[in-house]
PDB file of N, CA and C in Angstrom:
ATOM      1  N   UNK A   1     -51.763  27.222 -17.927  1.00  0.00           N
ATOM      2  CA  UNK A   1     -51.957  27.617 -16.553  1.00  0.00           C
ATOM      3  C   UNK A   1     -52.293  26.385 -15.716  1.00  0.00           C
ATOM      4  N   UNK A   2     -51.719  26.318 -14.524  1.00  0.00           N
ATOM      5  CA  UNK A   2     -51.898  25.186 -13.626  1.00  0.00           C
ATOM      6  C   UNK A   2     -53.301  25.205 -13.017  1.00  0.00           C
ATOM      7  N   UNK A   3     -53.983  24.053 -13.111  1.00  0.00           N
ATOM      8  CA  UNK A   3     -55.326  23.923 -12.544  1.00  0.00           C
ATOM      9  C   UNK A   3     -55.262  22.900 -11.407  1.00  0.00           C
ATOM     10  N   UNK A   4     -55.383  23.357 -10.163  1.00  0.00           N
ATOM     11  CA  UNK A   4     -55.271  22.419  -9.027  1.00  0.00           C
ATOM     12  C   UNK A   4     -56.374  21.363  -9.037  1.00  0.00           C
ATOM     13  N   UNK A   5     -57.515  21.667  -9.610  1.00  0.00           N
ATOM     14  CA  UNK A   5     -58.609  20.698  -9.651  1.00  0.00           C
ATOM     15  C   UNK A   5     -58.286  19.524 -10.585  1.00  0.00           C
ATOM     16  N   UNK A   6     -57.570  19.815 -11.680  1.00  0.00           N
ATOM     17  CA  UNK A   6     -57.156  18.739 -12.582  1.00  0.00           C
ATOM     18  C   UNK A   6     -56.159  17.820 -11.886  1.00  0.00           C
ATOM     19  N   UNK A   7     -55.257  18.417 -11.103  1.00  0.00           N
ATOM     20  CA  UNK A   7     -54.288  17.607 -10.349  1.00  0.00           C
ATOM     21  C   UNK A   7     -55.006  16.742  -9.323  1.00  0.00           C
ATOM     22  N   UNK A   8     -55.982  17.303  -8.622  1.00  0.00           N
ATOM     23  CA  UNK A   8     -56.766  16.534  -7.659  1.00  0.00           C
ATOM     24  C   UNK A   8     -57.518  15.398  -8.350  1.00  0.00           C
ATOM     25  N   UNK A   9     -58.082  15.686  -9.496  1.00  0.00           N
ATOM     26  CA  UNK A   9     -58.808  14.668 -10.250  1.00  0.00           C
ATOM     27  C   UNK A   9     -57.867  13.536 -10.652  1.00  0.00           C
ATOM     28  N   UNK A  10     -56.679  13.864 -11.096  1.00  0.00           N
ATOM     29  CA  UNK A  10     -55.709  12.837 -11.491  1.00  0.00           C
ATOM     30  C   UNK A  10     -55.316  11.978 -10.295  1.00  0.00           C
ATOM     31  N   UNK A  11     -55.112  12.600  -9.141  1.00  0.00           N
ATOM     32  CA  UNK A  11     -54.766  11.845  -7.933  1.00  0.00           C
ATOM     33  C   UNK A  11     -55.920  10.935  -7.508  1.00  0.00           C
ATOM     34  N   UNK A  12     -57.132  11.414  -7.605  1.00  0.00           N
ATOM     35  CA  UNK A  12     -58.292  10.600  -7.262  1.00  0.00           C
ATOM     36  C   UNK A  12     -58.411   9.382  -8.178  1.00  0.00           C
ATOM     37  N   UNK A  13     -58.132   9.569  -9.454  1.00  0.00           N
ATOM     38  CA  UNK A  13     -58.180   8.461 -10.408  1.00  0.00           C
ATOM     39  C   UNK A  13     -57.128   7.414 -10.042  1.00  0.00           C
ATOM     40  N   UNK A  14     -55.918   7.865  -9.683  1.00  0.00           N
ATOM     41  CA  UNK A  14     -54.864   6.927  -9.279  1.00  0.00           C
ATOM     42  C   UNK A  14     -55.250   6.187  -8.002  1.00  0.00           C
ATOM     43  N   UNK A  15     -55.819   6.888  -7.038  1.00  0.00           N
ATOM     44  CA  UNK A  15     -56.229   6.267  -5.784  1.00  0.00           C
ATOM     45  C   UNK A  15     -57.342   5.243  -6.015  1.00  0.00           C
ATOM     46  N   UNK A  16     -58.276   5.577  -6.888  1.00  0.00           N
ATOM     47  CA  UNK A  16     -59.360   4.648  -7.197  1.00  0.00           C
ATOM     48  C   UNK A  16     -58.811   3.381  -7.849  1.00  0.00           C
ATOM     49  N   UNK A  17     -57.851   3.534  -8.715  1.00  0.00           N
ATOM     50  CA  UNK A  17     -57.225   2.390  -9.367  1.00  0.00           C
ATOM     51  C   UNK A  17     -56.548   1.481  -8.335  1.00  0.00           C
ATOM     52  N   UNK A  18     -55.861   2.082  -7.385  1.00  0.00           N
ATOM     53  CA  UNK A  18     -55.200   1.308  -6.326  1.00  0.00           C
ATOM     54  C   UNK A  18     -56.237   0.576  -5.483  1.00  0.00           C
ATOM     55  N   UNK A  19     -57.320   1.242  -5.122  1.00  0.00           N
ATOM     56  CA  UNK A  19     -58.371   0.620  -4.318  1.00  0.00           C
ATOM     57  C   UNK A  19     -59.002  -0.572  -5.034  1.00  0.00           C
ATOM     58  N   UNK A  20     -59.215  -0.436  -6.324  1.00  0.00           N
ATOM     59  CA  UNK A  20     -59.798  -1.532  -7.091  1.00  0.00           C
ATOM     60  C   UNK A  20     -58.867  -2.736  -7.058  1.00  0.00           C
ATOM     61  N   UNK A  21     -57.574  -2.512  -7.230  1.00  0.00           N
ATOM     62  CA  UNK A  21     -56.606  -3.620  -7.174  1.00  0.00           C
ATOM     63  C   UNK A  21     -56.571  -4.255  -5.798  1.00  0.00           C
ATOM     64  N   UNK A  22     -56.609  -3.440  -4.743  1.00  0.00           N
ATOM     65  CA  UNK A  22     -56.605  -3.970  -3.378  1.00  0.00           C
ATOM     66  C   UNK A  22     -57.855  -4.798  -3.095  1.00  0.00           C
ATOM     67  N   UNK A  23     -59.000  -4.326  -3.563  1.00  0.00           N
ATOM     68  CA  UNK A  23     -60.235  -5.062  -3.352  1.00  0.00           C
ATOM     69  C   UNK A  23     -60.199  -6.427  -4.031  1.00  0.00           C
ATOM     70  N   UNK A  24     -59.520  -6.535  -5.142  1.00  0.00           N
ATOM     71  CA  UNK A  24     -59.437  -7.828  -5.821  1.00  0.00           C
ATOM     72  C   UNK A  24     -58.467  -8.773  -5.107  1.00  0.00           C
ATOM     73  N   UNK A  25     -57.542  -8.246  -4.332  1.00  0.00           N
ATOM     74  CA  UNK A  25     -56.562  -9.065  -3.622  1.00  0.00           C
ATOM     75  C   UNK A  25     -57.099  -9.550  -2.277  1.00  0.00           C
ATOM     76  N   UNK A  26     -57.955  -8.781  -1.631  1.00  0.00           N
ATOM     77  CA  UNK A  26     -58.424  -9.099  -0.278  1.00  0.00           C
ATOM     78  C   UNK A  26     -59.028 -10.497  -0.167  1.00  0.00           C
ATOM     79  N   UNK A  27     -59.955 -10.921  -1.043  1.00  0.00           N
ATOM     80  CA  UNK A  27     -60.506 -12.275  -0.894  1.00  0.00           C
ATOM     81  C   UNK A  27     -59.429 -13.356  -0.957  1.00  0.00           C
ATOM     82  N   UNK A  28     -58.446 -13.172  -1.827  1.00  0.00           N
ATOM     83  CA  UNK A  28     -57.358 -14.135  -1.936  1.00  0.00           C
ATOM     84  C   UNK A  28     -56.588 -14.221  -0.623  1.00  0.00           C
ATOM     85  N   UNK A  29     -56.276 -13.074  -0.026  1.00  0.00           N
ATOM     86  CA  UNK A  29     -55.536 -13.061   1.233  1.00  0.00           C
ATOM     87  C   UNK A  29     -56.351 -13.679   2.360  1.00  0.00           C
ATOM     88  N   UNK A  30     -57.647 -13.426   2.398  1.00  0.00           N
ATOM     89  CA  UNK A  30     -58.495 -14.004   3.432  1.00  0.00           C
ATOM     90  C   UNK A  30     -58.544 -15.519   3.295  1.00  0.00           C
ATOM     91  N   UNK A  31     -58.656 -16.020   2.078  1.00  0.00           N
ATOM     92  CA  UNK A  31     -58.668 -17.465   1.866  1.00  0.00           C
ATOM     93  C   UNK A  31     -57.348 -18.086   2.297  1.00  0.00           C
ATOM     94  N   UNK A  32     -56.248 -17.426   1.985  1.00  0.00           N
ATOM     95  CA  UNK A  32     -54.941 -17.928   2.364  1.00  0.00           C
ATOM     96  C   UNK A  32     -54.828 -18.040   3.880  1.00  0.00           C
ATOM     97  N   UNK A  33     -55.274 -17.009   4.578  1.00  0.00           N
ATOM     98  CA  UNK A  33     -55.163 -16.981   6.037  1.00  0.00           C
ATOM     99  C   UNK A  33     -56.059 -18.027   6.674  1.00  0.00           C
ATOM    100  N   UNK A  34     -57.285 -18.175   6.188  1.00  0.00           N
ATOM    101  CA  UNK A  34     -58.241 -19.084   6.801  1.00  0.00           C
ATOM    102  C   UNK A  34     -57.899 -20.543   6.557  1.00  0.00           C
ATOM    103  N   UNK A  35     -57.314 -20.856   5.439  1.00  0.00           N
ATOM    104  CA  UNK A  35     -57.065 -22.252   5.112  1.00  0.00           C
ATOM    105  C   UNK A  35     -55.677 -22.722   5.554  1.00  0.00           C
ATOM    106  N   UNK A  36     -54.974 -21.887   6.294  1.00  0.00           N
ATOM    107  CA  UNK A  36     -53.627 -22.234   6.691  1.00  0.00           C
ATOM    108  C   UNK A  36     -53.620 -23.425   7.638  1.00  0.00           C
ATOM    109  N   UNK A  37     -52.884 -24.439   7.259  1.00  0.00           N
ATOM    110  CA  UNK A  37     -52.709 -25.634   8.093  1.00  0.00           C
ATOM    111  C   UNK A  37     -51.218 -25.799   8.318  1.00  0.00           C
ATOM    112  N   UNK A  38     -50.866 -26.129   9.540  1.00  0.00           N
ATOM    113  CA  UNK A  38     -49.452 -26.284   9.855  1.00  0.00           C
ATOM    114  C   UNK A  38     -49.243 -27.227  11.020  1.00  0.00           C
ATOM    115  N   UNK A  39     -48.014 -27.276  11.446  1.00  0.00           N
ATOM    116  CA  UNK A  39     -47.630 -28.165  12.534  1.00  0.00           C
ATOM    117  C   UNK A  39     -47.715 -27.501  13.896  1.00  0.00           C
ATOM    118  N   UNK A  40     -46.916 -28.023  14.796  1.00  0.00           N
ATOM    119  CA  UNK A  40     -46.939 -27.554  16.184  1.00  0.00           C
ATOM    120  C   UNK A  40     -46.579 -26.067  16.278  1.00  0.00           C
ATOM    121  N   UNK A  41     -45.732 -25.586  15.376  1.00  0.00           N
ATOM    122  CA  UNK A  41     -45.351 -24.167  15.398  1.00  0.00           C
ATOM    123  C   UNK A  41     -46.553 -23.269  15.145  1.00  0.00           C
ATOM    124  N   UNK A  42     -47.425 -23.682  14.221  1.00  0.00           N
ATOM    125  CA  UNK A  42     -48.642 -22.911  13.947  1.00  0.00           C
ATOM    126  C   UNK A  42     -49.534 -22.887  15.188  1.00  0.00           C
ATOM    127  N   UNK A  43     -49.647 -24.023  15.857  1.00  0.00           N
ATOM    128  CA  UNK A  43     -50.468 -24.091  17.074  1.00  0.00           C
ATOM    129  C   UNK A  43     -49.888 -23.189  18.161  1.00  0.00           C
ATOM    130  N   UNK A  44     -48.579 -23.188  18.302  1.00  0.00           N
ATOM    131  CA  UNK A  44     -47.932 -22.333  19.301  1.00  0.00           C
ATOM    132  C   UNK A  44     -48.141 -20.860  18.971  1.00  0.00           C
ATOM    133  N   UNK A  45     -47.982 -20.517  17.702  1.00  0.00           N
ATOM    134  CA  UNK A  45     -48.134 -19.127  17.268  1.00  0.00           C
ATOM    135  C   UNK A  45     -49.574 -18.651  17.444  1.00  0.00           C
ATOM    136  N   UNK A  46     -50.533 -19.483  17.087  1.00  0.00           N
ATOM    137  CA  UNK A  46     -51.945 -19.096  17.131  1.00  0.00           C
ATOM    138  C   UNK A  46     -52.462 -18.990  18.555  1.00  0.00           C
ATOM    139  N   UNK A  47     -52.073 -19.937  19.415  1.00  0.00           N
ATOM    140  CA  UNK A  47     -52.608 -19.973  20.780  1.00  0.00           C
ATOM    141  C   UNK A  47     -51.755 -19.233  21.794  1.00  0.00           C
ATOM    142  N   UNK A  48     -50.470 -19.107  21.501  1.00  0.00           N
ATOM    143  CA  UNK A  48     -49.558 -18.504  22.469  1.00  0.00           C
ATOM    144  C   UNK A  48     -49.157 -19.477  23.569  1.00  0.00           C
ATOM    145  N   UNK A  49     -49.481 -20.754  23.379  1.00  0.00           N
ATOM    146  CA  UNK A  49     -49.160 -21.768  24.385  1.00  0.00           C
ATOM    147  C   UNK A  49     -47.814 -22.419  24.095  1.00  0.00           C
ATOM    148  N   UNK A  50     -47.228 -22.980  25.132  1.00  0.00           N
ATOM    149  CA  UNK A  50     -45.952 -23.677  24.996  1.00  0.00           C
ATOM    150  C   UNK A  50     -46.156 -25.015  24.288  1.00  0.00           C
ATOM    151  N   UNK A  51     -45.092 -25.506  23.678  1.00  0.00           N
ATOM    152  CA  UNK A  51     -45.148 -26.770  22.949  1.00  0.00           C
ATOM    153  C   UNK A  51     -45.630 -27.907  23.856  1.00  0.00           C
ATOM    154  N   UNK A  52     -45.106 -27.982  25.076  1.00  0.00           N
ATOM    155  CA  UNK A  52     -45.500 -29.065  25.987  1.00  0.00           C
ATOM    156  C   UNK A  52     -46.981 -28.974  26.346  1.00  0.00           C
ATOM    157  N   UNK A  53     -47.499 -27.749  26.490  1.00  0.00           N
ATOM    158  CA  UNK A  53     -48.926 -27.564  26.808  1.00  0.00           C
ATOM    159  C   UNK A  53     -49.784 -28.057  25.654  1.00  0.00           C
ATOM    160  N   UNK A  54     -49.378 -27.752  24.441  1.00  0.00           N
ATOM    161  CA  UNK A  54     -50.139 -28.193  23.269  1.00  0.00           C
ATOM    162  C   UNK A  54     -50.127 -29.712  23.174  1.00  0.00           C
ATOM    163  N   UNK A  55     -48.959 -30.325  23.401  1.00  0.00           N
ATOM    164  CA  UNK A  55     -48.889 -31.787  23.376  1.00  0.00           C
ATOM    165  C   UNK A  55     -49.805 -32.392  24.443  1.00  0.00           C
ATOM    166  N   UNK A  56     -49.847 -31.800  25.629  1.00  0.00           N
ATOM    167  CA  UNK A  56     -50.737 -32.292  26.691  1.00  0.00           C
ATOM    168  C   UNK A  56     -52.207 -32.162  26.271  1.00  0.00           C
ATOM    169  N   UNK A  57     -52.561 -31.027  25.640  1.00  0.00           N
ATOM    170  CA  UNK A  57     -53.936 -30.827  25.180  1.00  0.00           C
ATOM    171  C   UNK A  57     -54.301 -31.822  24.080  1.00  0.00           C
ATOM    172  N   UNK A  58     -53.337 -32.129  23.204  1.00  0.00           N
ATOM    173  CA  UNK A  58     -53.575 -33.119  22.151  1.00  0.00           C
ATOM    174  C   UNK A  58     -53.811 -34.485  22.762  1.00  0.00           C
ATOM    175  N   UNK A  59     -52.956 -34.880  23.712  1.00  0.00           N
ATOM    176  CA  UNK A  59     -53.078 -36.219  24.295  1.00  0.00           C
ATOM    177  C   UNK A  59     -54.363 -36.387  25.092  1.00  0.00           C
ATOM    178  N   UNK A  60     -54.890 -35.279  25.644  1.00  0.00           N
ATOM    179  CA  UNK A  60     -56.150 -35.361  26.392  1.00  0.00           C
ATOM    180  C   UNK A  60     -57.361 -35.103  25.492  1.00  0.00           C
ATOM    181  N   UNK A  61     -57.116 -34.802  24.208  1.00  0.00           N
ATOM    182  CA  UNK A  61     -58.203 -34.582  23.263  1.00  0.00           C
ATOM    183  C   UNK A  61     -58.915 -33.255  23.455  1.00  0.00           C
ATOM    184  N   UNK A  62     -58.229 -32.266  24.017  1.00  0.00           N
ATOM    185  CA  UNK A  62     -58.862 -30.985  24.333  1.00  0.00           C
ATOM    186  C   UNK A  62     -58.522 -29.854  23.383  1.00  0.00           C
ATOM    187  N   UNK A  63     -57.854 -30.160  22.276  1.00  0.00           N
ATOM    188  CA  UNK A  63     -57.532 -29.130  21.291  1.00  0.00           C
ATOM    189  C   UNK A  63     -57.758 -29.729  19.904  1.00  0.00           C
ATOM    190  N   UNK A  64     -58.341 -28.965  18.970  1.00  0.00           N
ATOM    191  CA  UNK A  64     -58.575 -29.533  17.633  1.00  0.00           C
ATOM    192  C   UNK A  64     -57.255 -29.777  16.900  1.00  0.00           C
ATOM    193  N   UNK A  65     -57.134 -30.970  16.373  1.00  0.00           N
ATOM    194  CA  UNK A  65     -55.910 -31.329  15.650  1.00  0.00           C
ATOM    195  C   UNK A  65     -56.211 -32.474  14.690  1.00  0.00           C
ATOM    196  N   UNK A  66     -55.257 -32.721  13.805  1.00  0.00           N
ATOM    197  CA  UNK A  66     -55.326 -33.844  12.874  1.00  0.00           C
ATOM    198  C   UNK A  66     -53.998 -34.577  12.990  1.00  0.00           C
ATOM    199  N   UNK A  67     -54.033 -35.865  12.755  1.00  0.00           N
ATOM    200  CA  UNK A  67     -52.808 -36.644  12.835  1.00  0.00           C
ATOM    201  C   UNK A  67     -52.688 -37.504  11.592  1.00  0.00           C
ATOM    202  N   UNK A  68     -51.561 -37.393  10.921  1.00  0.00           N
ATOM    203  CA  UNK A  68     -51.266 -38.213   9.745  1.00  0.00           C
ATOM    204  C   UNK A  68     -49.971 -38.940  10.079  1.00  0.00           C
ATOM    205  N   UNK A  69     -50.089 -40.241  10.341  1.00  0.00           N
ATOM    206  CA  UNK A  69     -48.926 -40.982  10.800  1.00  0.00           C
ATOM    207  C   UNK A  69     -48.532 -40.484  12.184  1.00  0.00           C
ATOM    208  N   UNK A  70     -47.292 -40.063  12.324  1.00  0.00           N
ATOM    209  CA  UNK A  70     -46.832 -39.530  13.607  1.00  0.00           C
ATOM    210  C   UNK A  70     -46.807 -38.007  13.633  1.00  0.00           C
ATOM    211  N   UNK A  71     -47.236 -37.386  12.551  1.00  0.00           N
ATOM    212  CA  UNK A  71     -47.181 -35.924  12.429  1.00  0.00           C
ATOM    213  C   UNK A  71     -48.508 -35.297  12.825  1.00  0.00           C
ATOM    214  N   UNK A  72     -48.454 -34.248  13.648  1.00  0.00           N
ATOM    215  CA  UNK A  72     -49.634 -33.497  14.056  1.00  0.00           C
ATOM    216  C   UNK A  72     -49.828 -32.295  13.136  1.00  0.00           C
ATOM    217  N   UNK A  73     -51.084 -32.020  12.805  1.00  0.00           N
ATOM    218  CA  UNK A  73     -51.425 -30.853  12.007  1.00  0.00           C
ATOM    219  C   UNK A  73     -52.523 -30.068  12.716  1.00  0.00           C
ATOM    220  N   UNK A  74     -52.478 -28.759  12.534  1.00  0.00           N
ATOM    221  CA  UNK A  74     -53.451 -27.867  13.150  1.00  0.00           C
ATOM    222  C   UNK A  74     -53.958 -26.896  12.100  1.00  0.00           C
ATOM    223  N   UNK A  75     -55.226 -26.528  12.211  1.00  0.00           N
ATOM    224  CA  UNK A  75     -55.836 -25.528  11.342  1.00  0.00           C
ATOM    225  C   UNK A  75     -55.948 -24.229  12.137  1.00  0.00           C
ATOM    226  N   UNK A  76     -55.426 -23.152  11.576  1.00  0.00           N
ATOM    227  CA  UNK A  76     -55.504 -21.854  12.248  1.00  0.00           C
ATOM    228  C   UNK A  76     -56.959 -21.489  12.547  1.00  0.00           C
ATOM    229  N   UNK A  77     -57.833 -21.718  11.579  1.00  0.00           N
ATOM    230  CA  UNK A  77     -59.249 -21.380  11.744  1.00  0.00           C
ATOM    231  C   UNK A  77     -59.868 -22.175  12.892  1.00  0.00           C
ATOM    232  N   UNK A  78     -59.588 -23.464  12.958  1.00  0.00           N
ATOM    233  CA  UNK A  78     -60.129 -24.291  14.036  1.00  0.00           C
ATOM    234  C   UNK A  78     -59.567 -23.887  15.391  1.00  0.00           C
ATOM    235  N   UNK A  79     -58.280 -23.549  15.437  1.00  0.00           N
ATOM    236  CA  UNK A  79     -57.678 -23.122  16.701  1.00  0.00           C
ATOM    237  C   UNK A  79     -58.285 -21.808  17.180  1.00  0.00           C
ATOM    238  N   UNK A  80     -58.520 -20.885  16.250  1.00  0.00           N
ATOM    239  CA  UNK A  80     -59.135 -19.606  16.634  1.00  0.00           C
ATOM    240  C   UNK A  80     -60.551 -19.831  17.141  1.00  0.00           C
ATOM    241  N   UNK A  81     -61.280 -20.735  16.510  1.00  0.00           N
ATOM    242  CA  UNK A  81     -62.616 -21.081  16.983  1.00  0.00           C
ATOM    243  C   UNK A  81     -62.581 -21.714  18.358  1.00  0.00           C
ATOM    244  N   UNK A  82     -61.606 -22.580  18.588  1.00  0.00           N
ATOM    245  CA  UNK A  82     -61.432 -23.238  19.887  1.00  0.00           C
ATOM    246  C   UNK A  82     -61.158 -22.211  20.975  1.00  0.00           C
ATOM    247  N   UNK A  83     -60.343 -21.225  20.662  1.00  0.00           N
ATOM    248  CA  UNK A  83     -60.037 -20.169  21.635  1.00  0.00           C
ATOM    249  C   UNK A  83     -61.296 -19.365  21.943  1.00  0.00           C
ATOM    250  N   UNK A  84     -62.064 -19.026  20.921  1.00  0.00           N
ATOM    251  CA  UNK A  84     -63.263 -18.213  21.121  1.00  0.00           C
ATOM    252  C   UNK A  84     -64.364 -18.976  21.839  1.00  0.00           C
ATOM    253  N   UNK A  85     -64.409 -20.295  21.678  1.00  0.00           N
ATOM    254  CA  UNK A  85     -65.429 -21.094  22.365  1.00  0.00           C
ATOM    255  C   UNK A  85     -65.273 -21.020  23.875  1.00  0.00           C
ATOM    256  N   UNK A  86     -64.072 -20.777  24.336  1.00  0.00           N
ATOM    257  CA  UNK A  86     -63.797 -20.746  25.773  1.00  0.00           C
ATOM    258  C   UNK A  86     -63.817 -19.324  26.313  1.00  0.00           C
ATOM    259  N   UNK A  87     -64.381 -18.414  25.551  1.00  0.00           N
ATOM    260  CA  UNK A  87     -64.414 -16.998  25.929  1.00  0.00           C
ATOM    261  C   UNK A  87     -65.339 -16.774  27.123  1.00  0.00           C
ATOM    262  N   UNK A  88     -64.883 -15.996  28.073  1.00  0.00           N
ATOM    263  CA  UNK A  88     -65.720 -15.612  29.207  1.00  0.00           C
ATOM    264  C   UNK A  88     -66.543 -14.400  28.805  1.00  0.00           C
ATOM    265  N   UNK A  89     -67.809 -14.402  29.204  1.00  0.00           N
ATOM    266  CA  UNK A  89     -68.698 -13.302  28.831  1.00  0.00           C
ATOM    267  C   UNK A  89     -68.370 -12.060  29.651  1.00  0.00           C
ATOM    268  N   UNK A  90     -68.531 -10.909  29.013  1.00  0.00           N
ATOM    269  CA  UNK A  90     -68.344  -9.643  29.714  1.00  0.00           C
ATOM    270  C   UNK A  90     -69.560  -9.388  30.593  1.00  0.00           C
ATOM    271  N   UNK A  91     -69.419  -8.459  31.518  1.00  0.00           N
ATOM    272  CA  UNK A  91     -70.520  -8.095  32.400  1.00  0.00           C
ATOM    273  C   UNK A  91     -71.722  -7.631  31.572  1.00  0.00           C
ATOM    274  N   UNK A  92     -71.471  -6.851  30.542  1.00  0.00           N
ATOM    275  CA  UNK A  92     -72.555  -6.362  29.688  1.00  0.00           C
ATOM    276  C   UNK A  92     -73.262  -7.519  28.982  1.00  0.00           C
ATOM    277  N   UNK A  93     -72.501  -8.499  28.477  1.00  0.00           N
ATOM    278  CA  UNK A  93     -73.112  -9.651  27.818  1.00  0.00           C
ATOM    279  C   UNK A  93     -73.968 -10.452  28.795  1.00  0.00           C
ATOM    280  N   UNK A  94     -73.485 -10.590  30.039  1.00  0.00           N
ATOM    281  CA  UNK A  94     -74.257 -11.296  31.063  1.00  0.00           C
ATOM    282  C   UNK A  94     -75.543 -10.552  31.394  1.00  0.00           C
ATOM    283  N   UNK A  95     -75.468  -9.226  31.497  1.00  0.00           N
ATOM    284  CA  UNK A  95     -76.653  -8.424  31.793  1.00  0.00           C
ATOM    285  C   UNK A  95     -77.689  -8.545  30.681  1.00  0.00           C
ATOM    286  N   UNK A  96     -77.244  -8.523  29.436  1.00  0.00           N
ATOM    287  CA  UNK A  96     -78.155  -8.669  28.300  1.00  0.00           C
ATOM    288  C   UNK A  96     -78.822 -10.045  28.346  1.00  0.00           C
ATOM    289  N   UNK A  97     -78.053 -11.070  28.663  1.00  0.00           N
ATOM    290  CA  UNK A  97     -78.605 -12.418  28.745  1.00  0.00           C
ATOM    291  C   UNK A  97     -79.636 -12.523  29.876  1.00  0.00           C
ATOM    292  N   UNK A  98     -79.369 -11.900  31.014  1.00  0.00           N
ATOM    293  CA  UNK A  98     -80.316 -11.910  32.137  1.00  0.00           C
ATOM    294  C   UNK A  98     -81.619 -11.233  31.734  1.00  0.00           C
ATOM    295  N   UNK A  99     -81.528 -10.088  31.077  1.00  0.00           N
ATOM    296  CA  UNK A  99     -82.725  -9.380  30.634  1.00  0.00           C
ATOM    297  C   UNK A  99     -83.523 -10.239  29.658  1.00  0.00           C
ATOM    298  N   UNK A 100     -82.837 -10.907  28.752  1.00  0.00           N
ATOM    299  CA  UNK A 100     -83.509 -11.773  27.778  1.00  0.00           C
ATOM    300  C   UNK A 100     -84.228 -12.922  28.475  1.00  0.00           C
ATOM    301  N   UNK A 101     -83.562 -13.569  29.420  1.00  0.00           N
ATOM    302  CA  UNK A 101     -84.173 -14.694  30.138  1.00  0.00           C
ATOM    303  C   UNK A 101     -85.376 -14.225  30.948  1.00  0.00           C
ATOM    304  N   UNK A 102     -85.221 -13.109  31.652  1.00  0.00           N
ATOM    305  CA  UNK A 102     -86.335 -12.579  32.454  1.00  0.00           C
ATOM    306  C   UNK A 102     -87.505 -12.169  31.570  1.00  0.00           C
ATOM    307  N   UNK A 103     -87.230 -11.596  30.421  1.00  0.00           N
ATOM    308  CA  UNK A 103     -88.292 -11.223  29.483  1.00  0.00           C
ATOM    309  C   UNK A 103     -89.017 -12.467  28.988  1.00  0.00           C
ATOM    310  N   UNK A 104     -88.277 -13.509  28.641  1.00  0.00           N
ATOM    311  CA  UNK A 104     -88.889 -14.764  28.199  1.00  0.00           C
ATOM    312  C   UNK A 104     -89.780 -15.350  29.292  1.00  0.00           C
ATOM    313  N   UNK A 105     -89.299 -15.337  30.529  1.00  0.00           N
ATOM    314  CA  UNK A 105     -90.101 -15.849  31.652  1.00  0.00           C
ATOM    315  C   UNK A 105     -91.389 -15.050  31.807  1.00  0.00           C
ATOM    316  N   UNK A 106     -91.275 -13.737  31.744  1.00  0.00           N
ATOM    317  CA  UNK A 106     -92.453 -12.878  31.896  1.00  0.00           C
ATOM    318  C   UNK A 106     -93.463 -13.156  30.793  1.00  0.00           C
ATOM    319  N   UNK A 107     -92.966 -13.232  29.555  1.00  0.00           N
ATOM    320  CA  UNK A 107     -93.868 -13.477  28.432  1.00  0.00           C
ATOM    321  C   UNK A 107     -94.529 -14.861  28.523  1.00  0.00           C
ATOM    322  N   UNK A 108     -93.798 -15.853  29.005  1.00  0.00           N
ATOM    323  CA  UNK A 108     -94.350 -17.190  29.173  1.00  0.00           C
ATOM    324  C   UNK A 108     -95.450 -17.179  30.229  1.00  0.00           C
ATOM    325  N   UNK A 109     -95.174 -16.519  31.373  1.00  0.00           N
ATOM    326  CA  UNK A 109     -96.190 -16.428  32.437  1.00  0.00           C
ATOM    327  C   UNK A 109     -97.418 -15.671  31.951  1.00  0.00           C
ATOM    328  N   UNK A 110     -97.220 -14.579  31.217  1.00  0.00           N
ATOM    329  CA  UNK A 110     -98.326 -13.782  30.702  1.00  0.00           C
ATOM    330  C   UNK A 110     -99.170 -14.593  29.726  1.00  0.00           C
ATOM    331  N   UNK A 111     -98.517 -15.362  28.871  1.00  0.00           N
ATOM    332  CA  UNK A 111     -99.227 -16.170  27.884  1.00  0.00           C
ATOM    333  C   UNK A 111    -100.033 -17.271  28.581  1.00  0.00           C
ATOM    334  N   UNK A 112     -99.469 -17.885  29.631  1.00  0.00           N
ATOM    335  CA  UNK A 112    -100.189 -18.934  30.362  1.00  0.00           C
ATOM    336  C   UNK A 112    -101.374 -18.346  31.113  1.00  0.00           C
ATOM    337  N   UNK A 113    -101.224 -17.153  31.685  1.00  0.00           N
ATOM    338  CA  UNK A 113    -102.310 -16.535  32.449  1.00  0.00           C
ATOM    339  C   UNK A 113    -103.454 -16.104  31.544  1.00  0.00           C
ATOM    340  N   UNK A 114    -103.175 -15.788  30.305  1.00  0.00           N
ATOM    341  CA  UNK A 114    -104.228 -15.326  29.401  1.00  0.00           C
ATOM    342  C   UNK A 114    -105.027 -16.475  28.817  1.00  0.00           C
ATOM    343  N   UNK A 115    -104.561 -17.724  28.947  1.00  0.00           N
ATOM    344  CA  UNK A 115    -105.279 -18.865  28.390  1.00  0.00           C
ATOM    345  C   UNK A 115    -106.156 -19.475  29.393  1.00  0.00           C
TER     346      UNK A 115
END
């Protein structure tokens, strides 16, 4: 007689096996992605900028790069960090920062007045 619970159990075992294999692959894929180094094409793909813009940024020293002989190299991780460093804060982030600064000022004044 067919037992639907046994079928469910078998499917769960197969799914768990797949998840275990995927979990073992994820660190490898993350390392591959983070350590990727390439040429101007990688810089264009990562930043979305035109080749001429990237060359201008390299010549002005405003983009992270490496040079070996006449060849330029870029690290995807460094380019992503460079993009995030220039991030504009959201209104909410600015409001949180204002509250933090005002709280620090208040606490400093309170501490000075109590001494």
